């Protein structure tokens, strides 16, 4: 494979690490969002509920760190050309979805961090407590959590579009889009 046929290997690894972290974060966030704290405690007990919250927060900070590295590698290294080139519609959709995913995956953990801190809850990264972005403010916390949830649903839509586009290129167009991010080619 020619070196300009794919992203550099660290960027590809970061892509898949972010994908796994986002899927786990969405799963834990949706669970907590649907059940709420009390029902989660009733179903799982205090210990597992706390593990779920800590894991969700840890995944959020991890996503923020990984996305920072992704942005650095994306800006620092050549982006492979599409071969064959995308048509205008595909290029607009692809660029829009990618830019919105990048923005959402940076803003989402920052909103969660701010919402958690303003709610007076610890911002955890594994067993470390990180400083809050803002001071305690319950009304602001509720608003930020609403936006955190809305952005989560927007990310579900964007991820679905991203996966649908990848599958379209792989299974229908049979072009080289998938190999650009493959770990194995």
C-alpha atoms as a PDB file:
ATOM      1  CA  UNK A   1       0.000   0.000   0.000  1.00  0.00           C
ATOM      2  CA  UNK A   2       1.262   3.463  -0.863  1.00  0.00           C
ATOM      3  CA  UNK A   3       1.798   5.661   2.199  1.00  0.00           C
ATOM      4  CA  UNK A   4      -0.707   8.258   0.916  1.00  0.00           C
ATOM      5  CA  UNK A   5      -3.452   5.621   0.614  1.00  0.00           C
ATOM      6  CA  UNK A   6      -4.123   5.665   4.358  1.00  0.00           C
ATOM      7  CA  UNK A   7      -3.798   7.804   7.466  1.00  0.00           C
ATOM      8  CA  UNK A   8      -0.641   7.415   9.519  1.00  0.00           C
ATOM      9  CA  UNK A   9      -0.805   4.431  11.839  1.00  0.00           C
ATOM     10  CA  UNK A  10      -1.071   6.412  15.130  1.00  0.00           C
ATOM     11  CA  UNK A  11      -4.078   8.303  13.741  1.00  0.00           C
ATOM     12  CA  UNK A  12      -5.749   5.030  12.747  1.00  0.00           C
ATOM     13  CA  UNK A  13      -5.138   3.575  16.222  1.00  0.00           C
ATOM     14  CA  UNK A  14      -6.558   6.727  17.813  1.00  0.00           C
ATOM     15  CA  UNK A  15      -9.652   6.471  15.581  1.00  0.00           C
ATOM     16  CA  UNK A  16     -10.421   2.957  16.807  1.00  0.00           C
ATOM     17  CA  UNK A  17      -9.611   3.759  20.455  1.00  0.00           C
ATOM     18  CA  UNK A  18     -12.011   6.717  20.283  1.00  0.00           C
ATOM     19  CA  UNK A  19     -14.644   4.493  18.644  1.00  0.00           C
ATOM     20  CA  UNK A  20     -14.463   1.930  21.463  1.00  0.00           C
ATOM     21  CA  UNK A  21     -14.429   4.622  24.180  1.00  0.00           C
ATOM     22  CA  UNK A  22     -17.400   6.437  22.601  1.00  0.00           C
ATOM     23  CA  UNK A  23     -19.466   3.251  22.301  1.00  0.00           C
ATOM     24  CA  UNK A  24     -18.780   2.361  25.947  1.00  0.00           C
ATOM     25  CA  UNK A  25     -19.478   5.931  27.044  1.00  0.00           C
ATOM     26  CA  UNK A  26     -22.750   6.052  25.112  1.00  0.00           C
ATOM     27  CA  UNK A  27     -23.797   2.701  26.563  1.00  0.00           C
ATOM     28  CA  UNK A  28     -23.103   3.812  30.138  1.00  0.00           C
ATOM     29  CA  UNK A  29     -24.564   7.290  29.557  1.00  0.00           C
ATOM     30  CA  UNK A  30     -27.760   5.935  28.005  1.00  0.00           C
ATOM     31  CA  UNK A  31     -28.121   3.445  30.854  1.00  0.00           C
ATOM     32  CA  UNK A  32     -27.711   6.168  33.463  1.00  0.00           C
ATOM     33  CA  UNK A  33     -29.926   8.558  31.508  1.00  0.00           C
ATOM     34  CA  UNK A  34     -32.792   6.107  31.070  1.00  0.00           C
ATOM     35  CA  UNK A  35     -32.681   4.675  34.574  1.00  0.00           C
ATOM     36  CA  UNK A  36     -31.623   7.705  36.599  1.00  0.00           C
ATOM     37  CA  UNK A  37     -29.622   7.421  39.785  1.00  0.00           C
ATOM     38  CA  UNK A  38     -32.277   5.895  42.045  1.00  0.00           C
ATOM     39  CA  UNK A  39     -33.395   3.166  39.610  1.00  0.00           C
ATOM     40  CA  UNK A  40     -29.777   2.337  38.799  1.00  0.00           C
ATOM     41  CA  UNK A  41     -29.079   1.901  42.519  1.00  0.00           C
ATOM     42  CA  UNK A  42     -32.219  -0.248  42.871  1.00  0.00           C
ATOM     43  CA  UNK A  43     -31.138  -2.480  39.969  1.00  0.00           C
ATOM     44  CA  UNK A  44     -27.365  -2.573  40.450  1.00  0.00           C
ATOM     45  CA  UNK A  45     -26.714  -1.474  44.030  1.00  0.00           C
ATOM     46  CA  UNK A  46     -24.573   1.429  45.223  1.00  0.00           C
ATOM     47  CA  UNK A  47     -21.201  -0.069  44.362  1.00  0.00           C
ATOM     48  CA  UNK A  48     -21.988  -0.907  40.720  1.00  0.00           C
ATOM     49  CA  UNK A  49     -23.834   2.384  40.244  1.00  0.00           C
ATOM     50  CA  UNK A  50     -20.768   4.278  41.459  1.00  0.00           C
ATOM     51  CA  UNK A  51     -18.554   2.181  39.173  1.00  0.00           C
ATOM     52  CA  UNK A  52     -20.856   3.019  36.245  1.00  0.00           C
ATOM     53  CA  UNK A  53     -20.725   6.773  36.991  1.00  0.00           C
ATOM     54  CA  UNK A  54     -16.944   6.727  37.533  1.00  0.00           C
ATOM     55  CA  UNK A  55     -16.476   4.715  34.330  1.00  0.00           C
ATOM     56  CA  UNK A  56     -18.626   7.135  32.347  1.00  0.00           C
ATOM     57  CA  UNK A  57     -16.651  10.129  33.631  1.00  0.00           C
ATOM     58  CA  UNK A  58     -13.330   8.351  33.034  1.00  0.00           C
ATOM     59  CA  UNK A  59     -14.376   7.504  29.481  1.00  0.00           C
ATOM     60  CA  UNK A  60     -15.338  11.151  28.906  1.00  0.00           C
ATOM     61  CA  UNK A  61     -11.927  12.422  30.005  1.00  0.00           C
ATOM     62  CA  UNK A  62     -10.274   9.654  27.969  1.00  0.00           C
ATOM     63  CA  UNK A  63     -12.249  10.689  24.865  1.00  0.00           C
ATOM     64  CA  UNK A  64     -11.202  14.310  25.397  1.00  0.00           C
ATOM     65  CA  UNK A  65      -7.532  13.296  25.646  1.00  0.00           C
ATOM     66  CA  UNK A  66      -7.725  10.952  22.634  1.00  0.00           C
ATOM     67  CA  UNK A  67      -9.535  13.570  20.544  1.00  0.00           C
ATOM     68  CA  UNK A  68      -6.845  16.119  21.386  1.00  0.00           C
ATOM     69  CA  UNK A  69      -4.251  13.668  20.061  1.00  0.00           C
ATOM     70  CA  UNK A  70      -6.416  12.957  16.991  1.00  0.00           C
ATOM     71  CA  UNK A  71      -6.661  16.649  16.181  1.00  0.00           C
ATOM     72  CA  UNK A  72      -2.885  16.992  16.509  1.00  0.00           C
ATOM     73  CA  UNK A  73      -2.206  14.024  14.205  1.00  0.00           C
ATOM     74  CA  UNK A  74      -4.881  15.192  11.759  1.00  0.00           C
ATOM     75  CA  UNK A  75      -3.289  18.629  11.496  1.00  0.00           C
ATOM     76  CA  UNK A  76       0.321  17.462  11.545  1.00  0.00           C
ATOM     77  CA  UNK A  77       0.206  14.757   8.871  1.00  0.00           C
ATOM     78  CA  UNK A  78      -1.007  14.421   5.310  1.00  0.00           C
ATOM     79  CA  UNK A  79      -4.641  13.427   4.854  1.00  0.00           C
ATOM     80  CA  UNK A  80      -4.844  10.677   2.229  1.00  0.00           C
ATOM     81  CA  UNK A  81      -6.652  11.466  -0.996  1.00  0.00           C
ATOM     82  CA  UNK A  82      -9.816   9.589  -1.850  1.00  0.00           C
ATOM     83  CA  UNK A  83      -9.114   7.199  -4.685  1.00  0.00           C
ATOM     84  CA  UNK A  84     -11.282   7.321  -6.652  1.00  0.00           C
ATOM     85  CA  UNK A  85     -12.280  10.875  -5.655  1.00  0.00           C
ATOM     86  CA  UNK A  86     -15.607  11.405  -3.906  1.00  0.00           C
ATOM     87  CA  UNK A  87     -18.357  13.135  -5.832  1.00  0.00           C
ATOM     88  CA  UNK A  88     -19.465  16.592  -4.601  1.00  0.00           C
ATOM     89  CA  UNK A  89     -22.387  15.246  -2.531  1.00  0.00           C
ATOM     90  CA  UNK A  90     -20.237  12.567  -0.841  1.00  0.00           C
ATOM     91  CA  UNK A  91     -17.483  15.105  -0.136  1.00  0.00           C
ATOM     92  CA  UNK A  92     -19.919  17.584   1.477  1.00  0.00           C
ATOM     93  CA  UNK A  93     -21.599  14.898   3.606  1.00  0.00           C
ATOM     94  CA  UNK A  94     -18.290  13.273   4.591  1.00  0.00           C
ATOM     95  CA  UNK A  95     -16.641  16.565   5.530  1.00  0.00           C
ATOM     96  CA  UNK A  96     -19.697  17.769   7.443  1.00  0.00           C
ATOM     97  CA  UNK A  97     -20.111  14.557   9.427  1.00  0.00           C
ATOM     98  CA  UNK A  98     -16.401  14.375  10.252  1.00  0.00           C
ATOM     99  CA  UNK A  99     -16.179  18.008  11.383  1.00  0.00           C
ATOM    100  CA  UNK A 100     -19.342  17.675  13.475  1.00  0.00           C
ATOM    101  CA  UNK A 101     -18.045  14.436  15.033  1.00  0.00           C
ATOM    102  CA  UNK A 102     -14.731  16.067  15.935  1.00  0.00           C
ATOM    103  CA  UNK A 103     -16.491  19.092  17.452  1.00  0.00           C
ATOM    104  CA  UNK A 104     -19.060  16.958  19.279  1.00  0.00           C
ATOM    105  CA  UNK A 105     -16.443  14.609  20.697  1.00  0.00           C
ATOM    106  CA  UNK A 106     -14.542  17.549  22.163  1.00  0.00           C
ATOM    107  CA  UNK A 107     -17.555  19.541  23.391  1.00  0.00           C
ATOM    108  CA  UNK A 108     -19.402  16.508  24.840  1.00  0.00           C
ATOM    109  CA  UNK A 109     -16.829  15.663  27.550  1.00  0.00           C
ATOM    110  CA  UNK A 110     -16.345  19.353  28.347  1.00  0.00           C
ATOM    111  CA  UNK A 111     -20.105  19.738  28.861  1.00  0.00           C
ATOM    112  CA  UNK A 112     -20.144  16.628  31.047  1.00  0.00           C
ATOM    113  CA  UNK A 113     -17.187  17.909  33.052  1.00  0.00           C
ATOM    114  CA  UNK A 114     -18.812  21.320  33.553  1.00  0.00           C
ATOM    115  CA  UNK A 115     -22.242  19.818  34.361  1.00  0.00           C
ATOM    116  CA  UNK A 116     -20.723  17.434  36.896  1.00  0.00           C
ATOM    117  CA  UNK A 117     -18.649  20.143  38.583  1.00  0.00           C
ATOM    118  CA  UNK A 118     -21.516  22.661  38.743  1.00  0.00           C
ATOM    119  CA  UNK A 119     -23.719  19.928  40.217  1.00  0.00           C
ATOM    120  CA  UNK A 120     -21.235  19.567  43.072  1.00  0.00           C
ATOM    121  CA  UNK A 121     -20.201  16.061  42.011  1.00  0.00           C
ATOM    122  CA  UNK A 122     -16.624  14.836  41.713  1.00  0.00           C
ATOM    123  CA  UNK A 123     -15.073  14.865  38.248  1.00  0.00           C
ATOM    124  CA  UNK A 124     -13.298  11.530  38.244  1.00  0.00           C
ATOM    125  CA  UNK A 125     -10.622  10.076  36.004  1.00  0.00           C
ATOM    126  CA  UNK A 126     -10.126   6.536  37.262  1.00  0.00           C
ATOM    127  CA  UNK A 127      -9.456   7.150  40.974  1.00  0.00           C
ATOM    128  CA  UNK A 128      -8.274  10.744  40.619  1.00  0.00           C
ATOM    129  CA  UNK A 129     -10.531  13.686  41.281  1.00  0.00           C
ATOM    130  CA  UNK A 130      -9.983  16.410  38.703  1.00  0.00           C
ATOM    131  CA  UNK A 131     -10.640  20.086  39.328  1.00  0.00           C
ATOM    132  CA  UNK A 132     -14.065  21.362  38.340  1.00  0.00           C
ATOM    133  CA  UNK A 133     -14.233  23.694  35.349  1.00  0.00           C
ATOM    134  CA  UNK A 134     -16.822  25.862  37.127  1.00  0.00           C
ATOM    135  CA  UNK A 135     -18.071  26.333  40.686  1.00  0.00           C
ATOM    136  CA  UNK A 136     -21.244  24.806  42.046  1.00  0.00           C
ATOM    137  CA  UNK A 137     -24.430  26.110  40.452  1.00  0.00           C
ATOM    138  CA  UNK A 138     -27.362  23.669  40.461  1.00  0.00           C
ATOM    139  CA  UNK A 139     -29.448  25.508  37.860  1.00  0.00           C
ATOM    140  CA  UNK A 140     -26.503  25.714  35.468  1.00  0.00           C
ATOM    141  CA  UNK A 141     -25.730  22.047  36.128  1.00  0.00           C
ATOM    142  CA  UNK A 142     -29.252  21.014  35.099  1.00  0.00           C
ATOM    143  CA  UNK A 143     -29.011  23.077  31.904  1.00  0.00           C
ATOM    144  CA  UNK A 144     -25.575  21.650  31.063  1.00  0.00           C
ATOM    145  CA  UNK A 145     -26.776  18.084  31.654  1.00  0.00           C
ATOM    146  CA  UNK A 146     -29.702  18.713  29.281  1.00  0.00           C
ATOM    147  CA  UNK A 147     -27.253  19.904  26.611  1.00  0.00           C
ATOM    148  CA  UNK A 148     -24.926  16.977  27.372  1.00  0.00           C
ATOM    149  CA  UNK A 149     -27.837  14.607  26.735  1.00  0.00           C
ATOM    150  CA  UNK A 150     -28.945  16.404  23.559  1.00  0.00           C
ATOM    151  CA  UNK A 151     -25.414  16.328  22.198  1.00  0.00           C
ATOM    152  CA  UNK A 152     -25.283  12.615  23.057  1.00  0.00           C
ATOM    153  CA  UNK A 153     -28.294  12.002  20.832  1.00  0.00           C
ATOM    154  CA  UNK A 154     -26.785  14.158  18.087  1.00  0.00           C
ATOM    155  CA  UNK A 155     -23.618  12.061  18.316  1.00  0.00           C
ATOM    156  CA  UNK A 156     -25.694   8.880  17.989  1.00  0.00           C
ATOM    157  CA  UNK A 157     -27.080  10.278  14.710  1.00  0.00           C
ATOM    158  CA  UNK A 158     -23.635  11.363  13.472  1.00  0.00           C
ATOM    159  CA  UNK A 159     -22.059   8.022  14.383  1.00  0.00           C
ATOM    160  CA  UNK A 160     -24.869   6.214  12.578  1.00  0.00           C
ATOM    161  CA  UNK A 161     -24.242   8.356   9.474  1.00  0.00           C
ATOM    162  CA  UNK A 162     -20.493   7.741   9.756  1.00  0.00           C
ATOM    163  CA  UNK A 163     -20.923   3.971   9.999  1.00  0.00           C
ATOM    164  CA  UNK A 164     -23.537   3.958   7.219  1.00  0.00           C
ATOM    165  CA  UNK A 165     -21.146   5.892   4.982  1.00  0.00           C
ATOM    166  CA  UNK A 166     -18.295   3.505   5.731  1.00  0.00           C
ATOM    167  CA  UNK A 167     -20.495   0.495   5.001  1.00  0.00           C
ATOM    168  CA  UNK A 168     -21.749   2.133   1.787  1.00  0.00           C
ATOM    169  CA  UNK A 169     -18.185   2.605   0.541  1.00  0.00           C
ATOM    170  CA  UNK A 170     -17.085  -0.861   1.636  1.00  0.00           C
ATOM    171  CA  UNK A 171     -20.043  -3.003   0.595  1.00  0.00           C
ATOM    172  CA  UNK A 172     -21.657  -1.052  -2.262  1.00  0.00           C
ATOM    173  CA  UNK A 173     -19.066   1.211  -3.907  1.00  0.00           C
ATOM    174  CA  UNK A 174     -16.151  -1.148  -3.214  1.00  0.00           C
ATOM    175  CA  UNK A 175     -13.750   1.792  -3.251  1.00  0.00           C
ATOM    176  CA  UNK A 176     -10.715   2.442  -1.055  1.00  0.00           C
ATOM    177  CA  UNK A 177     -12.360   4.555   1.657  1.00  0.00           C
ATOM    178  CA  UNK A 178     -12.290   1.778   4.261  1.00  0.00           C
ATOM    179  CA  UNK A 179      -8.588   1.024   3.884  1.00  0.00           C
ATOM    180  CA  UNK A 180      -7.743   4.624   4.757  1.00  0.00           C
ATOM    181  CA  UNK A 181      -8.582   3.900   8.425  1.00  0.00           C
ATOM    182  CA  UNK A 182      -7.948   0.144   8.549  1.00  0.00           C
ATOM    183  CA  UNK A 183      -5.475  -1.137  11.115  1.00  0.00           C
ATOM    184  CA  UNK A 184      -4.634  -4.161   8.985  1.00  0.00           C
ATOM    185  CA  UNK A 185      -3.995  -2.934   5.433  1.00  0.00           C
END
